Amino acid sequence: MRLRQLHADDRPALAALLRATETFTPDEVEVALELIDLELDDPGGGHGYRFVVAEVEGAVAGYACYGRTPMTDNVWDLYWLAVAPEGGSRGTGTGLLAAVEAAAAAEGARMIVVETASQASYGPARAFYERQGYAAVARVPDFYAPGDDKLIYVRRFAAGGSGAAS
């Protein structure tokens, strides 16, 4: 697996990947693509979103969108992490998350926050974050829709963003 920056020609592959996961709703896919478009229209711009793309054998296998959380003291958000359906068994998600954590830690991150949904289709994502050392810290009942709660996971870093969980 090779990790790299987002390129303009990645958009079709990422759109197909987001749809192929069968986890995201059409509205969620559109939001993810809007963020990708922000970066493609203004690479490294002031929008605050950062991207890392995973490539396996020359094909896009996943991506992560993350960034510093505005108005916080070194808190970062992981906005999107999507892996091609066959990529889970290859460690693609783990590699992407490690890259996000390393980038955030290098800039002094105190913690990374992940928001996800309680619906059954997000079960594998929740299990993934828990395996990676993220702790569930909050639940907002009926946030996305009746019966679909917002779940908030956090991974804290040692002082100075060393990357070591505390």
Foldseek 3Di string as FASTA:
>chain_A
DDKDFDDPVCLVLLLVQVVQLVLDDPVRSVVVSVVVVVCHVPPVDPPFKGKMFDDDPRGTFWMWIKGADPPDDQEIETEDTTGRPVCPVVCPSVVRVLVVLVVSLVVFHFKYKYKDKPDPSCVVVVVVCVVVPWDWDDWAAQPVHHVIIITMTMFGDPGSSPSHTD
